[in-house]
N, C-alpha and C. Protein backbone atom coordinates (compact mmCIF):
# COMPACT_ATOMS: atom_id res chain seq x y z
N MET A 1 0.92 -1.00 -0.79
CA MET A 1 0.25 -0.13 0.01
C MET A 1 0.93 1.03 0.44
N THR A 2 0.72 1.90 -1.03
CA THR A 2 1.26 3.18 -0.58
C THR A 2 0.93 4.77 -0.03
N GLN A 3 1.79 4.98 0.59
CA GLN A 3 1.55 6.02 1.44
C GLN A 3 1.89 7.43 0.84
N PHE A 4 0.45 7.92 0.84
CA PHE A 4 0.57 9.94 0.98
C PHE A 4 1.42 10.74 1.59
N THR A 5 1.78 11.61 1.53
CA THR A 5 2.28 12.26 2.45
C THR A 5 1.33 13.70 2.64
N ARG A 6 1.32 15.12 3.19
CA ARG A 6 1.41 15.99 2.75
C ARG A 6 1.79 16.49 1.22
N ARG A 7 3.57 16.25 1.60
CA ARG A 7 4.56 17.11 0.90
C ARG A 7 4.64 16.53 -0.36
N SER A 8 3.87 15.28 -0.47
CA SER A 8 3.62 14.09 -1.96
C SER A 8 2.49 14.66 -3.29
N PHE A 9 1.29 15.07 -2.05
CA PHE A 9 0.09 15.94 -2.08
C PHE A 9 0.46 16.55 -3.53
N THR A 10 1.77 17.08 -2.32
CA THR A 10 0.79 19.19 -2.96
C THR A 10 1.89 19.46 -4.10
N LEU A 11 3.00 18.32 -4.40
CA LEU A 11 4.11 18.92 -5.36
C LEU A 11 3.18 17.81 -6.62
N ALA A 12 2.52 16.62 -6.57
CA ALA A 12 1.67 16.31 -7.55
C ALA A 12 0.29 16.95 -7.59
N ALA A 13 -0.28 17.91 -7.08
CA ALA A 13 -1.31 19.11 -7.02
C ALA A 13 -0.17 20.20 -8.19
N LEU A 14 0.44 20.44 -7.66
CA LEU A 14 1.29 21.01 -8.00
C LEU A 14 1.66 21.02 -9.37
N ALA A 15 2.27 19.58 -9.63
CA ALA A 15 2.13 19.50 -11.36
C ALA A 15 1.09 19.20 -12.39
N GLY A 16 0.13 19.13 -11.41
CA GLY A 16 -1.40 19.24 -12.45
C GLY A 16 -1.41 20.47 -12.84
N ALA A 17 -1.09 21.62 -11.97
CA ALA A 17 -2.04 22.29 -12.27
C ALA A 17 -0.95 23.35 -13.10
N SER A 18 0.19 22.79 -13.16
CA SER A 18 1.40 23.42 -14.04
C SER A 18 1.24 22.42 -15.49
N VAL A 19 0.72 21.45 -15.79
CA VAL A 19 0.25 21.12 -16.55
C VAL A 19 -0.70 21.81 -17.06
N THR A 20 -2.12 22.40 -16.30
CA THR A 20 -3.01 23.09 -17.08
C THR A 20 -2.68 25.17 -17.27
N ALA A 21 -1.49 24.89 -16.99
CA ALA A 21 -1.27 26.38 -16.98
C ALA A 21 -0.57 26.07 -18.40
N ALA A 22 0.13 25.25 -19.20
CA ALA A 22 0.35 25.34 -20.82
C ALA A 22 -1.04 25.22 -21.62
N CYS A 23 -2.45 25.01 -20.48
CA CYS A 23 -3.38 24.91 -22.09
C CYS A 23 -3.53 26.96 -22.27
N SER A 24 -4.52 27.05 -23.08
CA SER A 24 -4.91 28.43 -23.53
C SER A 24 -5.62 29.32 -22.82
N ASN A 25 -5.57 29.07 -20.89
CA ASN A 25 -6.44 29.56 -20.51
C ASN A 25 -6.14 30.78 -19.81
N GLY A 26 -4.96 31.65 -20.71
CA GLY A 26 -4.30 32.91 -20.00
C GLY A 26 -3.26 33.00 -18.96
N ALA A 27 -2.78 31.61 -18.80
CA ALA A 27 -1.54 31.54 -18.25
C ALA A 27 -0.40 32.27 -17.90
N GLY A 28 -0.49 31.83 -19.76
CA GLY A 28 1.09 32.96 -20.37
C GLY A 28 0.38 34.60 -20.86
N THR A 29 -0.06 34.65 -20.84
CA THR A 29 -0.88 36.53 -20.76
C THR A 29 -0.45 37.34 -20.00
N PRO A 30 0.36 38.35 -20.23
CA PRO A 30 1.30 38.81 -19.19
C PRO A 30 0.75 40.03 -19.61
N ASN A 31 -0.71 39.85 -20.14
CA ASN A 31 -1.02 41.77 -20.80
C ASN A 31 -2.90 41.36 -19.72
N ALA A 32 -3.19 42.59 -18.90
CA ALA A 32 -4.29 42.81 -18.39
C ALA A 32 -5.82 42.74 -19.39
N ASP A 33 -5.13 43.45 -20.55
CA ASP A 33 -5.69 44.03 -22.36
C ASP A 33 -6.69 42.54 -22.48
N THR A 34 -5.58 41.39 -22.41
CA THR A 34 -6.69 40.37 -23.26
C THR A 34 -7.08 39.75 -21.81
N ILE A 35 -7.32 40.00 -20.57
CA ILE A 35 -8.19 39.41 -19.87
C ILE A 35 -8.79 40.29 -19.86
N ASP A 36 -8.81 41.46 -19.63
CA ASP A 36 -9.89 42.16 -20.18
C ASP A 36 -10.80 41.64 -21.30
N ALA A 37 -10.52 41.95 -21.73
CA ALA A 37 -11.49 41.28 -23.36
C ALA A 37 -11.93 40.02 -23.11
N ARG A 38 -11.25 38.77 -22.06
CA ARG A 38 -12.01 37.64 -22.40
C ARG A 38 -13.37 37.91 -20.78
N VAL A 39 -13.01 38.78 -19.58
CA VAL A 39 -14.13 38.83 -19.79
C VAL A 39 -15.12 39.76 -20.06
N ASN A 40 -15.29 40.85 -20.70
CA ASN A 40 -16.37 40.90 -20.91
C ASN A 40 -16.49 40.17 -22.56
N ALA A 41 -16.45 39.42 -22.72
CA ALA A 41 -17.01 38.67 -24.32
C ALA A 41 -17.38 37.74 -23.01
N THR A 42 -17.04 37.15 -22.20
CA THR A 42 -17.76 36.14 -21.17
C THR A 42 -19.01 36.67 -20.88
N MET A 43 -18.59 38.62 -20.27
CA MET A 43 -20.53 39.12 -19.88
C MET A 43 -20.80 39.22 -20.36
N ASP A 44 -20.99 39.31 -21.83
CA ASP A 44 -21.90 39.55 -23.14
C ASP A 44 -22.26 38.57 -23.09
N TYR A 45 -21.30 37.20 -23.00
CA TYR A 45 -21.87 36.25 -23.30
C TYR A 45 -23.91 36.07 -22.33
N LEU A 46 -23.31 36.05 -21.32
CA LEU A 46 -23.83 35.74 -19.63
C LEU A 46 -25.17 36.84 -20.18
N GLN A 47 -25.75 37.80 -20.90
CA GLN A 47 -26.23 38.21 -20.41
C GLN A 47 -27.52 38.27 -21.45
N SER A 48 -26.05 37.20 -22.84
CA SER A 48 -26.81 36.96 -23.86
C SER A 48 -27.33 36.12 -23.71
N ASN A 49 -27.48 35.56 -23.40
CA ASN A 49 -28.15 34.11 -22.81
C ASN A 49 -28.45 33.53 -21.86
N TYR A 50 -28.14 34.58 -20.55
CA TYR A 50 -29.41 34.16 -19.63
C TYR A 50 -29.99 35.44 -19.28
N PRO A 51 -30.80 35.89 -19.92
CA PRO A 51 -30.71 37.09 -19.67
C PRO A 51 -31.67 36.98 -17.99
N ASN A 52 -32.34 35.98 -17.08
CA ASN A 52 -32.75 36.12 -15.90
C ASN A 52 -31.95 36.30 -15.20
N LEU A 53 -30.39 36.39 -15.82
CA LEU A 53 -29.45 36.21 -14.39
C LEU A 53 -29.06 38.19 -14.84
N GLN A 54 -29.95 39.04 -15.20
CA GLN A 54 -29.47 40.24 -14.85
C GLN A 54 -30.11 41.08 -14.04
N GLU A 55 -31.11 40.17 -12.86
CA GLU A 55 -31.28 41.08 -11.92
C GLU A 55 -30.54 40.45 -10.88
N VAL A 56 -29.48 39.68 -10.55
CA VAL A 56 -28.42 39.39 -10.22
C VAL A 56 -26.90 40.55 -10.91
N MET A 57 -26.41 40.37 -11.60
CA MET A 57 -26.13 41.57 -11.93
C MET A 57 -25.96 42.86 -11.64
N ASP A 58 -27.91 42.84 -11.68
CA ASP A 58 -27.66 44.27 -10.45
C ASP A 58 -27.30 44.34 -9.49
N LYS A 59 -28.61 43.64 -8.94
CA LYS A 59 -27.93 43.72 -7.38
C LYS A 59 -26.50 43.16 -6.86
N SER A 60 -25.61 42.55 -7.58
CA SER A 60 -24.83 42.00 -6.49
C SER A 60 -23.29 43.37 -6.65
N VAL A 61 -22.50 43.47 -5.61
CA VAL A 61 -22.31 44.82 -5.75
C VAL A 61 -20.22 44.63 -5.97
N GLY A 62 -20.16 43.11 -6.45
CA GLY A 62 -19.43 43.10 -7.26
C GLY A 62 -19.20 41.91 -7.88
N GLN A 63 -17.62 40.88 -9.22
CA GLN A 63 -18.56 40.24 -9.60
C GLN A 63 -16.87 39.57 -9.84
N LEU A 64 -16.43 38.62 -9.71
CA LEU A 64 -15.38 37.62 -9.94
C LEU A 64 -15.59 37.14 -11.00
N VAL A 65 -14.93 37.00 -12.10
CA VAL A 65 -15.54 37.06 -13.37
C VAL A 65 -13.80 35.81 -14.38
N MET A 66 -14.47 34.26 -14.08
CA MET A 66 -13.19 33.89 -14.52
C MET A 66 -13.71 32.87 -15.85
N PRO A 67 -12.94 33.74 -16.90
CA PRO A 67 -13.74 33.27 -18.71
C PRO A 67 -12.72 31.85 -18.88
N LEU A 68 -12.13 31.18 -18.50
CA LEU A 68 -11.68 30.13 -18.38
C LEU A 68 -11.02 29.39 -17.46
N VAL A 69 -11.44 28.71 -16.84
CA VAL A 69 -10.63 27.59 -16.10
C VAL A 69 -10.41 26.13 -16.79
N THR A 70 -9.33 25.49 -17.07
CA THR A 70 -8.85 24.44 -17.57
C THR A 70 -8.48 22.78 -16.06
N GLU A 71 -9.13 22.51 -16.62
CA GLU A 71 -8.48 21.29 -14.85
C GLU A 71 -8.17 19.75 -15.78
N ALA A 72 -7.22 18.96 -15.23
CA ALA A 72 -7.06 17.94 -16.21
C ALA A 72 -6.81 17.48 -15.07
N GLY A 73 -6.85 15.55 -15.15
CA GLY A 73 -6.28 14.39 -14.19
C GLY A 73 -5.86 13.55 -14.55
N LEU A 74 -5.17 12.81 -14.14
CA LEU A 74 -5.03 11.18 -14.12
C LEU A 74 -4.63 11.12 -12.92
N PHE A 75 -5.13 10.89 -11.74
CA PHE A 75 -5.52 10.04 -10.53
C PHE A 75 -5.54 11.32 -9.30
N VAL A 76 -4.25 12.42 -10.28
CA VAL A 76 -3.37 13.77 -9.25
C VAL A 76 -4.34 14.36 -10.78
N GLY A 77 -4.71 14.83 -9.78
CA GLY A 77 -5.23 17.00 -10.64
C GLY A 77 -5.00 18.51 -10.21
N GLY A 78 -5.58 19.02 -11.64
CA GLY A 78 -5.37 19.99 -11.26
C GLY A 78 -5.95 21.32 -11.98
N GLY A 79 -6.30 21.87 -11.68
CA GLY A 79 -6.52 23.15 -12.32
C GLY A 79 -6.41 24.82 -12.12
N TYR A 80 -6.56 25.80 -13.41
CA TYR A 80 -5.83 26.60 -13.35
C TYR A 80 -6.97 27.65 -14.48
N GLY A 81 -7.01 29.04 -13.78
CA GLY A 81 -7.54 30.13 -15.03
C GLY A 81 -6.75 31.94 -14.10
N ARG A 82 -7.67 32.58 -15.05
CA ARG A 82 -7.33 33.64 -14.88
C ARG A 82 -8.15 34.40 -14.90
N GLY A 83 -9.03 35.66 -14.07
CA GLY A 83 -9.63 36.62 -14.42
C GLY A 83 -9.38 37.82 -14.12
N ALA A 84 -10.65 38.37 -13.91
CA ALA A 84 -10.79 39.94 -12.60
C ALA A 84 -11.78 40.12 -11.76
N LEU A 85 -11.76 40.96 -11.25
CA LEU A 85 -13.57 41.78 -10.40
C LEU A 85 -13.38 42.77 -10.79
N ARG A 86 -15.13 42.92 -10.69
CA ARG A 86 -15.42 44.34 -11.31
C ARG A 86 -15.75 44.48 -10.78
N ILE A 87 -16.67 46.12 -10.11
CA ILE A 87 -17.00 46.20 -9.38
C ILE A 87 -17.28 47.36 -10.26
N ASP A 88 -18.70 47.79 -10.20
CA ASP A 88 -19.12 49.23 -10.80
C ASP A 88 -18.84 48.55 -12.65
N GLY A 89 -18.80 47.23 -12.88
CA GLY A 89 -18.57 48.07 -13.96
C GLY A 89 -17.03 47.89 -14.60
N MET A 90 -15.83 47.97 -13.65
CA MET A 90 -14.74 48.46 -13.70
C MET A 90 -13.82 47.30 -13.26
N THR A 91 -13.16 47.13 -13.80
CA THR A 91 -12.01 46.33 -12.97
C THR A 91 -10.92 46.42 -12.34
N VAL A 92 -10.84 45.80 -10.95
CA VAL A 92 -10.40 46.54 -10.52
C VAL A 92 -9.18 45.95 -9.25
N ASP A 93 -9.41 44.57 -9.23
CA ASP A 93 -8.21 43.90 -9.98
C ASP A 93 -8.06 42.31 -10.15
N TYR A 94 -7.01 42.07 -10.14
CA TYR A 94 -7.41 40.50 -11.58
C TYR A 94 -6.46 39.28 -10.42
N TYR A 95 -7.26 38.18 -9.95
CA TYR A 95 -6.92 36.86 -9.88
C TYR A 95 -6.61 35.64 -10.51
N SER A 96 -5.96 34.63 -10.20
CA SER A 96 -5.60 33.82 -10.51
C SER A 96 -6.65 32.72 -9.52
N ALA A 97 -6.75 31.43 -10.22
CA ALA A 97 -7.32 30.77 -9.39
C ALA A 97 -7.38 29.60 -9.72
N ALA A 98 -6.68 28.31 -8.91
CA ALA A 98 -5.60 27.09 -8.81
C ALA A 98 -6.08 25.81 -7.90
N LYS A 99 -5.80 24.84 -8.55
CA LYS A 99 -6.87 23.60 -7.21
C LYS A 99 -6.04 22.76 -7.93
N GLY A 100 -5.66 21.61 -6.60
CA GLY A 100 -5.44 20.36 -6.37
C GLY A 100 -7.02 19.19 -6.06
N SER A 101 -6.19 18.04 -6.79
CA SER A 101 -7.41 17.32 -6.60
C SER A 101 -6.61 15.44 -6.65
N PHE A 102 -7.24 14.84 -5.77
CA PHE A 102 -6.43 13.26 -5.85
C PHE A 102 -7.64 12.29 -6.08
N GLY A 103 -7.60 11.58 -5.97
CA GLY A 103 -8.37 10.65 -5.89
C GLY A 103 -9.03 9.68 -7.74
N LEU A 104 -9.86 9.06 -8.04
CA LEU A 104 -10.38 8.17 -9.07
C LEU A 104 -11.02 9.56 -10.12
N GLN A 105 -10.13 9.65 -11.02
CA GLN A 105 -10.53 10.76 -12.12
C GLN A 105 -9.44 10.79 -13.45
N ILE A 106 -10.34 11.31 -14.44
CA ILE A 106 -9.11 11.25 -15.27
C ILE A 106 -9.89 11.68 -16.56
N GLY A 107 -8.96 12.97 -17.38
CA GLY A 107 -9.56 13.46 -17.81
C GLY A 107 -9.59 14.69 -18.15
N ALA A 108 -9.93 15.60 -19.41
CA ALA A 108 -9.36 17.30 -18.92
C ALA A 108 -11.38 18.68 -19.39
N GLN A 109 -10.83 19.07 -18.30
CA GLN A 109 -12.44 19.98 -19.06
C GLN A 109 -11.52 21.73 -18.59
N GLN A 110 -12.65 22.57 -19.62
CA GLN A 110 -12.73 23.47 -19.48
C GLN A 110 -13.72 24.74 -19.02
N TYR A 111 -13.99 25.80 -18.89
CA TYR A 111 -15.29 25.67 -18.40
C TYR A 111 -14.78 27.68 -17.72
N ALA A 112 -15.72 28.24 -17.67
CA ALA A 112 -16.08 29.61 -17.13
C ALA A 112 -17.31 29.27 -16.02
N HIS A 113 -16.57 30.83 -15.37
CA HIS A 113 -17.72 30.89 -14.04
C HIS A 113 -17.27 32.39 -13.70
N VAL A 114 -18.56 33.11 -12.67
CA VAL A 114 -18.75 34.18 -12.41
C VAL A 114 -19.06 33.66 -10.56
N LEU A 115 -18.42 34.47 -9.67
CA LEU A 115 -19.18 35.18 -8.55
C LEU A 115 -19.77 35.99 -8.33
N PHE A 116 -20.75 36.18 -8.35
CA PHE A 116 -21.78 37.24 -7.51
C PHE A 116 -21.66 37.21 -6.19
N PHE A 117 -20.43 38.81 -6.05
CA PHE A 117 -20.36 39.52 -4.26
C PHE A 117 -22.07 39.88 -3.98
N MET A 118 -23.06 39.49 -3.15
CA MET A 118 -23.89 40.34 -3.35
C MET A 118 -24.33 40.95 -2.16
N THR A 119 -23.46 40.70 -0.92
CA THR A 119 -22.94 41.89 0.16
C THR A 119 -21.91 42.39 -0.15
N GLN A 120 -21.38 43.66 0.57
CA GLN A 120 -20.48 44.61 0.89
C GLN A 120 -19.36 43.79 1.97
N PRO A 121 -20.40 42.59 2.56
CA PRO A 121 -19.26 42.67 3.26
C PRO A 121 -18.47 40.84 2.91
N SER A 122 -18.74 40.63 2.05
CA SER A 122 -18.69 38.92 1.57
C SER A 122 -17.62 39.49 0.13
N LEU A 123 -17.81 40.14 -0.11
CA LEU A 123 -16.55 41.30 -1.01
C LEU A 123 -15.42 41.94 -0.31
N GLU A 124 -15.74 42.69 0.72
CA GLU A 124 -14.67 43.14 1.86
C GLU A 124 -13.51 41.98 1.80
N ASN A 125 -14.41 40.95 1.71
CA ASN A 125 -13.95 39.63 2.84
C ASN A 125 -12.63 39.13 2.10
N PHE A 126 -13.68 39.28 0.90
CA PHE A 126 -12.49 38.37 -0.18
C PHE A 126 -11.57 39.26 -1.42
N ARG A 127 -11.81 40.57 -0.89
CA ARG A 127 -10.40 41.85 -1.24
C ARG A 127 -9.39 41.77 -0.23
N ARG A 128 -9.54 41.63 1.16
CA ARG A 128 -8.75 41.36 1.80
C ARG A 128 -8.27 40.63 1.85
N SER A 129 -8.59 39.38 1.82
CA SER A 129 -7.66 37.82 1.78
C SER A 129 -6.38 38.18 0.99
N SER A 130 -5.72 37.01 1.26
CA SER A 130 -4.43 37.27 0.69
C SER A 130 -5.09 35.32 -0.28
N GLY A 131 -5.42 34.70 0.56
CA GLY A 131 -5.77 34.28 -0.72
C GLY A 131 -7.64 33.64 -0.16
N TRP A 132 -8.40 34.00 -1.49
CA TRP A 132 -9.47 33.35 -0.84
C TRP A 132 -10.04 32.08 -1.65
N ALA A 133 -10.66 30.79 -0.43
CA ALA A 133 -10.96 29.28 -1.51
C ALA A 133 -12.17 29.40 -0.98
N VAL A 134 -12.65 28.73 -1.82
CA VAL A 134 -14.68 29.21 -1.56
C VAL A 134 -14.48 28.06 -0.69
N GLY A 135 -15.95 28.97 0.05
CA GLY A 135 -16.53 28.20 1.33
C GLY A 135 -17.85 28.37 1.40
N ALA A 136 -18.03 27.91 2.91
CA ALA A 136 -19.64 27.54 2.30
C ALA A 136 -20.48 28.55 2.39
N ASP A 137 -19.87 30.01 2.10
CA ASP A 137 -21.06 30.70 2.35
C ASP A 137 -21.12 30.80 0.51
N LEU A 138 -20.89 30.18 -0.14
CA LEU A 138 -20.63 30.15 -1.36
C LEU A 138 -22.67 29.31 -1.53
N GLU A 139 -23.47 29.87 -2.69
CA GLU A 139 -24.43 28.92 -2.90
C GLU A 139 -24.49 28.39 -4.94
N TYR A 140 -24.54 27.61 -5.76
CA TYR A 140 -24.68 27.76 -6.56
C TYR A 140 -26.24 28.20 -7.50
N VAL A 141 -26.28 28.80 -8.64
CA VAL A 141 -27.46 29.82 -8.53
C VAL A 141 -27.70 28.77 -10.42
N PHE A 142 -27.42 27.45 -10.59
CA PHE A 142 -27.43 27.01 -11.03
C PHE A 142 -27.15 25.77 -10.84
N SER A 143 -26.81 24.85 -11.53
CA SER A 143 -26.43 23.28 -10.90
C SER A 143 -25.13 22.51 -12.76
N ASP A 144 -25.03 22.37 -12.79
CA ASP A 144 -23.59 22.38 -14.36
C ASP A 144 -24.27 21.44 -15.27
N VAL A 145 -25.80 20.96 -15.45
CA VAL A 145 -25.96 20.44 -16.15
C VAL A 145 -27.01 20.98 -17.60
N GLY A 146 -26.64 21.78 -17.34
CA GLY A 146 -27.50 23.25 -18.40
C GLY A 146 -28.57 23.56 -17.39
N GLU A 147 -28.66 23.64 -16.85
CA GLU A 147 -30.16 24.82 -16.47
C GLU A 147 -30.61 25.37 -16.74
N ASN A 148 -31.69 26.41 -17.06
CA ASN A 148 -32.13 27.74 -16.82
C ASN A 148 -31.41 28.67 -15.93
N ILE A 149 -30.82 29.56 -15.65
CA ILE A 149 -30.35 30.45 -14.77
C ILE A 149 -31.62 30.44 -13.37
N ARG A 150 -31.81 30.53 -12.36
CA ARG A 150 -32.76 31.45 -11.26
C ARG A 150 -31.90 31.07 -10.66
N THR A 151 -32.75 32.14 -9.90
CA THR A 151 -33.05 32.92 -7.99
C THR A 151 -33.94 32.30 -7.85
N ASP A 152 -33.94 31.89 -6.33
CA ASP A 152 -35.17 32.09 -5.39
C ASP A 152 -34.64 32.57 -4.01
N THR A 153 -35.64 32.15 -2.83
CA THR A 153 -35.45 31.96 -1.72
C THR A 153 -33.81 31.58 -0.66
N THR A 154 -34.36 31.60 -1.72
CA THR A 154 -32.51 30.90 -1.49
C THR A 154 -30.94 31.37 -1.61
N THR A 155 -31.03 31.98 -2.85
CA THR A 155 -30.00 32.44 -3.04
C THR A 155 -30.34 33.87 -3.06
N ALA A 156 -31.31 34.57 -2.78
CA ALA A 156 -31.36 34.94 -3.07
C ALA A 156 -30.82 36.19 -1.51
N THR A 157 -30.68 35.15 -0.36
CA THR A 157 -30.02 35.70 1.64
C THR A 157 -28.78 34.95 0.80
N SER A 158 -27.93 34.84 -0.22
CA SER A 158 -26.27 34.01 -0.26
C SER A 158 -25.67 35.36 -0.07
N PRO A 159 -24.64 35.48 0.14
CA PRO A 159 -23.51 36.19 0.09
C PRO A 159 -22.60 36.40 -1.46
N VAL A 160 -22.54 35.09 -1.46
CA VAL A 160 -22.20 34.71 -2.80
C VAL A 160 -22.60 33.91 -3.81
N LEU A 161 -23.00 34.37 -4.89
CA LEU A 161 -23.01 33.68 -5.66
C LEU A 161 -22.38 32.58 -6.98
N ALA A 162 -22.28 31.64 -7.27
CA ALA A 162 -21.91 31.09 -8.42
C ALA A 162 -22.71 30.63 -9.30
N VAL A 163 -21.72 31.26 -11.11
CA VAL A 163 -22.70 30.65 -11.81
C VAL A 163 -21.51 29.96 -12.96
N VAL A 164 -20.61 28.57 -12.79
CA VAL A 164 -20.50 27.92 -13.67
C VAL A 164 -21.24 26.91 -15.34
N PHE A 165 -20.12 27.76 -16.30
CA PHE A 165 -20.89 27.71 -17.64
C PHE A 165 -19.69 27.55 -18.47
N GLY A 166 -20.34 26.87 -20.31
CA GLY A 166 -19.61 26.91 -20.99
C GLY A 166 -18.58 25.49 -20.26
N GLN A 167 -19.25 24.70 -20.25
CA GLN A 167 -17.99 23.01 -19.99
C GLN A 167 -18.10 22.53 -20.95
N ALA A 168 -16.79 22.60 -21.53
CA ALA A 168 -16.60 21.57 -22.56
C ALA A 168 -15.01 20.81 -21.78
N GLY A 169 -15.17 19.18 -22.35
CA GLY A 169 -14.54 18.28 -22.59
C GLY A 169 -14.79 16.93 -22.02
N MET A 170 -13.81 16.32 -21.05
CA MET A 170 -15.04 14.75 -20.62
C MET A 170 -13.91 15.12 -19.54
N LEU A 171 -14.46 15.87 -18.26
CA LEU A 171 -14.18 15.27 -16.27
C LEU A 171 -15.40 15.27 -15.94
N ALA A 172 -15.64 14.86 -15.60
CA ALA A 172 -17.19 14.66 -14.18
C ALA A 172 -17.05 15.63 -13.74
N GLY A 173 -17.86 16.62 -14.01
CA GLY A 173 -18.75 17.73 -12.78
C GLY A 173 -17.74 18.93 -13.20
N ALA A 174 -17.69 20.46 -12.69
CA ALA A 174 -17.48 21.46 -12.63
C ALA A 174 -18.10 21.94 -10.84
N SER A 175 -17.01 21.80 -10.33
CA SER A 175 -17.55 22.36 -9.33
C SER A 175 -16.27 23.45 -8.88
N LEU A 176 -16.80 24.60 -8.02
CA LEU A 176 -15.60 25.47 -7.55
C LEU A 176 -14.84 24.42 -6.30
N GLU A 177 -15.50 22.93 -6.22
CA GLU A 177 -15.09 23.18 -3.93
C GLU A 177 -12.70 22.61 -4.28
N GLY A 178 -12.58 23.21 -3.71
CA GLY A 178 -11.30 23.52 -3.22
C GLY A 178 -10.45 24.42 -4.36
N LEU A 179 -11.43 25.40 -5.00
CA LEU A 179 -10.59 26.32 -5.16
C LEU A 179 -10.15 27.70 -4.27
N LYS A 180 -8.28 27.84 -5.21
CA LYS A 180 -8.72 29.07 -4.52
C LYS A 180 -8.23 30.29 -4.56
N TYR A 181 -8.07 31.78 -4.71
CA TYR A 181 -8.58 32.81 -5.98
C TYR A 181 -6.58 33.64 -5.28
N THR A 182 -6.02 33.80 -5.97
CA THR A 182 -4.92 34.47 -5.35
C THR A 182 -5.34 35.99 -6.27
N ARG A 183 -4.97 36.88 -5.92
CA ARG A 183 -4.59 38.67 -6.17
C ARG A 183 -2.47 38.52 -7.19
N ILE A 184 -3.10 38.45 -8.35
CA ILE A 184 -2.42 38.18 -9.59
C ILE A 184 -1.33 39.89 -10.30
N ILE A 185 -0.60 39.91 -10.21
CA ILE A 185 -0.64 41.32 -11.60
C ILE A 185 -0.16 40.89 -13.05
N PRO A 186 -1.09 41.17 -13.94
CA PRO A 186 -0.38 40.91 -14.90
C PRO A 186 0.39 40.99 -15.39
């Protein structure tokens, strides 16, 4: 039986993340203009394809837009993407999203997601943290099986709402659990 230590898990997760960083997800993009263009296209896509989301957009105090996150795994996996935090329609910071995983997995996928900060304290907590990990205060607006975006009484009181969309590839399920966001300078 193989023993896995924290160090071997961390090294394997970093290896998985570096493999996905080589994909076309903005990891090699040193240009903030490129990230902003991808963020604009993502928000335009959401507005034109999910008109029910406009109410959430209008009520949110900020949005973290990740236009493309790439995940890959073969027992050990990782994911990486870059995006921008928008307040009042303007980019205020840039972030990377990274995750590592271990378990029965094989494949790769890409998807986009947007976190809508519905309260000022949730946005301030996100901006003050040196590295923010998705936690219990996150509520999915819709599942990742192609349902229409909807809000209800549960999502209306959540401090952070997540929309995951545009999945492509073969890796079971796109979720944000275990994803860590870190402020970057592109």
